[in-house]
Amino acid sequence: MPGIGRKSKYEAFVKPHLARIEHLCRMGATEEEICRKLGVAVSSFNVYKNLYPELMEALKRGKVDADDAVEAALFRRATGYSYEEVKTNSYADSNDNQRQFRTVVTREVPPDTTAAIFWLKNRRPERWRDRHELGIEGGSVPIKLIEEEKGL
């Protein structure tokens, strides 16, 4: 019998907010946080993702932007960077008039070893993972050796 059961909240609680969902993803919100803001159960939201491609696309678009920003920040942190710090100072001149001047200082942030290791383990796992498997064949029985990294 059609019409039996609870009516889907998608049309009222999710579909009108696709742009907001994309924005929330871009700002780093998790799907659970998005569900809370929309007043939708996580289990229902997961069903909606499978039923409504426009919801999946909104989530993907928002997450790609956020992931790209984090990736760029991690890369900068791993390789080091410099930035200009601007300070505005004031003083009273000989006539007690307030004067302001700006000081621009270039600051250097050195490369971060932990960020570099994280980057390399994820981008080049075949060369940077902690475990390396070496296969050696001897006679008729293959022998598998596992080399573990003892630390950096």
C-alpha atoms as a PDB file:
ATOM      1  CA  MET A   1       0.000   0.000   0.000  1.00  0.00           C
ATOM      2  CA  PRO A   2       1.720   3.243  -1.106  1.00  0.00           C
ATOM      3  CA  GLY A   3       2.066   6.080   1.342  1.00  0.00           C
ATOM      4  CA  ILE A   4       2.556   3.927   4.412  1.00  0.00           C
ATOM      5  CA  GLY A   5       5.465   4.867   6.629  1.00  0.00           C
ATOM      6  CA  ARG A   6       7.119   8.087   7.609  1.00  0.00           C
ATOM      7  CA  LYS A   7       7.519  10.736   4.914  1.00  0.00           C
ATOM      8  CA  SER A   8      11.105  11.499   3.852  1.00  0.00           C
ATOM      9  CA  LYS A   9      12.614  14.672   5.300  1.00  0.00           C
ATOM     10  CA  TYR A  10      14.844  15.119   2.266  1.00  0.00           C
ATOM     11  CA  GLU A  11      12.554  17.477   0.333  1.00  0.00           C
ATOM     12  CA  ALA A  12      11.931  19.738   3.331  1.00  0.00           C
ATOM     13  CA  PHE A  13      15.133  19.521   5.391  1.00  0.00           C
ATOM     14  CA  VAL A  14      17.954  18.716   2.972  1.00  0.00           C
ATOM     15  CA  LYS A  15      17.245  19.653  -0.650  1.00  0.00           C
ATOM     16  CA  PRO A  16      16.606  23.375   0.042  1.00  0.00           C
ATOM     17  CA  HIS A  17      19.978  23.532   1.841  1.00  0.00           C
ATOM     18  CA  LEU A  18      22.328  21.963  -0.714  1.00  0.00           C
ATOM     19  CA  ALA A  19      24.309  25.209  -1.099  1.00  0.00           C
ATOM     20  CA  ARG A  20      24.568  25.489   2.691  1.00  0.00           C
ATOM     21  CA  ILE A  21      25.721  21.860   2.916  1.00  0.00           C
ATOM     22  CA  GLU A  22      28.451  22.550   0.355  1.00  0.00           C
ATOM     23  CA  HIS A  23      29.496  25.660   2.298  1.00  0.00           C
ATOM     24  CA  LEU A  24      29.583  23.756   5.605  1.00  0.00           C
ATOM     25  CA  CYS A  25      31.832  21.104   4.027  1.00  0.00           C
ATOM     26  CA  ARG A  26      34.080  23.841   2.690  1.00  0.00           C
ATOM     27  CA  MET A  27      34.366  25.189   6.250  1.00  0.00           C
ATOM     28  CA  GLY A  28      35.393  21.752   7.540  1.00  0.00           C
ATOM     29  CA  ALA A  29      32.107  20.535   9.039  1.00  0.00           C
ATOM     30  CA  THR A  30      31.695  16.781   9.361  1.00  0.00           C
ATOM     31  CA  GLU A  31      28.625  15.032   7.987  1.00  0.00           C
ATOM     32  CA  GLU A  32      27.455  14.418  11.553  1.00  0.00           C
ATOM     33  CA  GLU A  33      27.634  18.173  12.279  1.00  0.00           C
ATOM     34  CA  ILE A  34      25.736  18.906   9.068  1.00  0.00           C
ATOM     35  CA  CYS A  35      23.017  16.446  10.082  1.00  0.00           C
ATOM     36  CA  ARG A  36      22.691  18.132  13.457  1.00  0.00           C
ATOM     37  CA  LYS A  37      22.332  21.573  11.841  1.00  0.00           C
ATOM     38  CA  LEU A  38      19.707  20.270   9.426  1.00  0.00           C
ATOM     39  CA  GLY A  39      17.792  18.266  12.039  1.00  0.00           C
ATOM     40  CA  VAL A  40      18.225  15.001  10.142  1.00  0.00           C
ATOM     41  CA  ALA A  41      19.407  11.652  11.512  1.00  0.00           C
ATOM     42  CA  VAL A  42      22.804  10.475  10.308  1.00  0.00           C
ATOM     43  CA  SER A  43      21.271   7.186   9.158  1.00  0.00           C
ATOM     44  CA  SER A  44      18.683   9.031   7.055  1.00  0.00           C
ATOM     45  CA  PHE A  45      21.371  11.331   5.652  1.00  0.00           C
ATOM     46  CA  ASN A  46      23.375   8.278   4.561  1.00  0.00           C
ATOM     47  CA  VAL A  47      20.310   6.891   2.775  1.00  0.00           C
ATOM     48  CA  TYR A  48      19.744  10.275   1.081  1.00  0.00           C
ATOM     49  CA  LYS A  49      23.349  10.276  -0.174  1.00  0.00           C
ATOM     50  CA  ASN A  50      22.633   7.037  -2.031  1.00  0.00           C
ATOM     51  CA  LEU A  51      19.240   8.145  -3.346  1.00  0.00           C
ATOM     52  CA  TYR A  52      19.962  11.744  -4.373  1.00  0.00           C
ATOM     53  CA  PRO A  53      23.051  12.367  -6.534  1.00  0.00           C
ATOM     54  CA  GLU A  54      22.758  16.142  -6.074  1.00  0.00           C
ATOM     55  CA  LEU A  55      23.420  15.696  -2.338  1.00  0.00           C
ATOM     56  CA  MET A  56      26.515  13.588  -3.014  1.00  0.00           C
ATOM     57  CA  GLU A  57      27.771  16.195  -5.501  1.00  0.00           C
ATOM     58  CA  ALA A  58      27.289  19.050  -3.002  1.00  0.00           C
ATOM     59  CA  LEU A  59      29.251  17.101  -0.384  1.00  0.00           C
ATOM     60  CA  LYS A  60      32.036  16.264  -2.843  1.00  0.00           C
ATOM     61  CA  ARG A  61      32.391  19.842  -4.112  1.00  0.00           C
ATOM     62  CA  GLY A  62      32.630  21.252  -0.590  1.00  0.00           C
ATOM     63  CA  LYS A  63      35.061  18.616   0.609  1.00  0.00           C
ATOM     64  CA  VAL A  64      37.368  19.025  -2.396  1.00  0.00           C
ATOM     65  CA  ASP A  65      37.814  22.735  -1.680  1.00  0.00           C
ATOM     66  CA  ALA A  66      38.523  22.095   2.010  1.00  0.00           C
ATOM     67  CA  ASP A  67      40.891  19.212   1.259  1.00  0.00           C
ATOM     68  CA  ASP A  68      42.785  21.312  -1.295  1.00  0.00           C
ATOM     69  CA  ALA A  69      43.236  24.126   1.234  1.00  0.00           C
ATOM     70  CA  VAL A  70      44.537  21.737   3.904  1.00  0.00           C
ATOM     71  CA  GLU A  71      46.827  20.030   1.397  1.00  0.00           C
ATOM     72  CA  ALA A  72      48.317  23.393   0.390  1.00  0.00           C
ATOM     73  CA  ALA A  73      48.807  24.381   4.045  1.00  0.00           C
ATOM     74  CA  LEU A  74      50.452  21.029   4.848  1.00  0.00           C
ATOM     75  CA  PHE A  75      52.788  21.406   1.879  1.00  0.00           C
ATOM     76  CA  ARG A  76      53.779  24.931   2.980  1.00  0.00           C
ATOM     77  CA  ARG A  77      54.378  23.684   6.506  1.00  0.00           C
ATOM     78  CA  ALA A  78      56.428  20.705   5.276  1.00  0.00           C
ATOM     79  CA  THR A  79      58.655  22.823   3.019  1.00  0.00           C
ATOM     80  CA  GLY A  80      58.834  26.013   5.096  1.00  0.00           C
ATOM     81  CA  TYR A  81      57.751  29.468   4.063  1.00  0.00           C
ATOM     82  CA  SER A  82      58.108  33.148   4.865  1.00  0.00           C
ATOM     83  CA  TYR A  83      55.521  35.821   5.506  1.00  0.00           C
ATOM     84  CA  GLU A  84      55.456  39.506   6.262  1.00  0.00           C
ATOM     85  CA  GLU A  85      54.306  40.642   9.679  1.00  0.00           C
ATOM     86  CA  VAL A  86      53.045  44.215   9.783  1.00  0.00           C
ATOM     87  CA  LYS A  87      52.923  46.080  13.089  1.00  0.00           C
ATOM     88  CA  THR A  88      51.499  49.539  13.623  1.00  0.00           C
ATOM     89  CA  ASN A  89      53.141  51.506  16.405  1.00  0.00           C
ATOM     90  CA  SER A  90      52.410  54.950  17.728  1.00  0.00           C
ATOM     91  CA  TYR A  91      54.348  57.598  19.611  1.00  0.00           C
ATOM     92  CA  ALA A  92      53.901  61.188  20.741  1.00  0.00           C
ATOM     93  CA  ASP A  93      56.038  63.707  18.897  1.00  0.00           C
ATOM     94  CA  SER A  94      57.600  66.807  20.476  1.00  0.00           C
ATOM     95  CA  ASN A  95      54.231  68.650  20.254  1.00  0.00           C
ATOM     96  CA  ASP A  96      52.366  65.767  21.926  1.00  0.00           C
ATOM     97  CA  ASN A  97      50.723  64.809  18.618  1.00  0.00           C
ATOM     98  CA  GLN A  98      50.133  61.106  18.163  1.00  0.00           C
ATOM     99  CA  ARG A  99      52.100  59.714  15.243  1.00  0.00           C
ATOM    100  CA  GLN A 100      51.893  56.242  13.800  1.00  0.00           C
ATOM    101  CA  PHE A 101      54.395  54.212  11.853  1.00  0.00           C
ATOM    102  CA  ARG A 102      54.376  50.749  10.385  1.00  0.00           C
ATOM    103  CA  THR A 103      57.072  48.160  10.788  1.00  0.00           C
ATOM    104  CA  VAL A 104      57.250  45.309   8.292  1.00  0.00           C
ATOM    105  CA  VAL A 105      59.251  42.267   9.356  1.00  0.00           C
ATOM    106  CA  THR A 106      59.745  39.163   7.221  1.00  0.00           C
ATOM    107  CA  ARG A 107      59.343  36.040   9.344  1.00  0.00           C
ATOM    108  CA  GLU A 108      60.667  32.642   8.329  1.00  0.00           C
ATOM    109  CA  VAL A 109      58.888  29.419   9.257  1.00  0.00           C
ATOM    110  CA  PRO A 110      61.338  26.533   8.920  1.00  0.00           C
ATOM    111  CA  PRO A 111      60.281  23.251   7.313  1.00  0.00           C
ATOM    112  CA  ASP A 112      58.465  20.932   9.715  1.00  0.00           C
ATOM    113  CA  THR A 113      59.858  17.392   9.725  1.00  0.00           C
ATOM    114  CA  THR A 114      56.629  15.823  10.978  1.00  0.00           C
ATOM    115  CA  ALA A 115      54.598  17.493   8.233  1.00  0.00           C
ATOM    116  CA  ALA A 116      57.143  16.366   5.634  1.00  0.00           C
ATOM    117  CA  ILE A 117      57.023  12.748   6.862  1.00  0.00           C
ATOM    118  CA  PHE A 118      53.221  12.789   6.881  1.00  0.00           C
ATOM    119  CA  TRP A 119      53.189  14.210   3.345  1.00  0.00           C
ATOM    120  CA  LEU A 120      55.660  11.648   2.019  1.00  0.00           C
ATOM    121  CA  LYS A 121      53.984   8.655   3.693  1.00  0.00           C
ATOM    122  CA  ASN A 122      50.706   9.621   2.052  1.00  0.00           C
ATOM    123  CA  ARG A 123      51.986  10.792  -1.330  1.00  0.00           C
ATOM    124  CA  ARG A 124      54.741   8.210  -1.816  1.00  0.00           C
ATOM    125  CA  PRO A 125      53.794   5.258   0.375  1.00  0.00           C
ATOM    126  CA  GLU A 126      55.823   2.777  -1.684  1.00  0.00           C
ATOM    127  CA  ARG A 127      59.014   4.588  -0.592  1.00  0.00           C
ATOM    128  CA  TRP A 128      58.066   6.047   2.807  1.00  0.00           C
ATOM    129  CA  ARG A 129      55.814   3.580   4.636  1.00  0.00           C
ATOM    130  CA  ASP A 130      57.040   2.194   7.955  1.00  0.00           C
ATOM    131  CA  ARG A 131      56.931  -1.416   6.773  1.00  0.00           C
ATOM    132  CA  HIS A 132      58.693  -2.714   3.703  1.00  0.00           C
ATOM    133  CA  GLU A 133      57.969  -6.207   2.458  1.00  0.00           C
ATOM    134  CA  LEU A 134      60.778  -7.961   0.670  1.00  0.00           C
ATOM    135  CA  GLY A 135      60.047 -11.186  -1.154  1.00  0.00           C
ATOM    136  CA  ILE A 136      62.863 -13.691  -1.521  1.00  0.00           C
ATOM    137  CA  GLU A 137      62.403 -16.961  -3.305  1.00  0.00           C
ATOM    138  CA  GLY A 138      64.595 -19.830  -2.199  1.00  0.00           C
ATOM    139  CA  GLY A 139      64.326 -23.309  -3.561  1.00  0.00           C
ATOM    140  CA  SER A 140      60.711 -24.307  -3.906  1.00  0.00           C
ATOM    141  CA  VAL A 141      59.419 -22.417  -0.841  1.00  0.00           C
ATOM    142  CA  PRO A 142      59.002 -18.618  -1.102  1.00  0.00           C
ATOM    143  CA  ILE A 143      60.279 -16.772   1.970  1.00  0.00           C
ATOM    144  CA  LYS A 144      58.779 -13.453   2.972  1.00  0.00           C
ATOM    145  CA  LEU A 145      60.871 -11.042   5.018  1.00  0.00           C
ATOM    146  CA  ILE A 146      59.373  -7.970   6.684  1.00  0.00           C
ATOM    147  CA  GLU A 147      61.649  -5.067   7.455  1.00  0.00           C
ATOM    148  CA  GLU A 148      60.345  -2.659  10.079  1.00  0.00           C
ATOM    149  CA  GLU A 149      61.616   0.854  10.552  1.00  0.00           C
ATOM    150  CA  LYS A 150      63.070   1.361  14.047  1.00  0.00           C
ATOM    151  CA  GLY A 151      62.366   5.086  14.129  1.00  0.00           C
ATOM    152  CA  LEU A 152      63.682   8.218  12.534  1.00  0.00           C
END
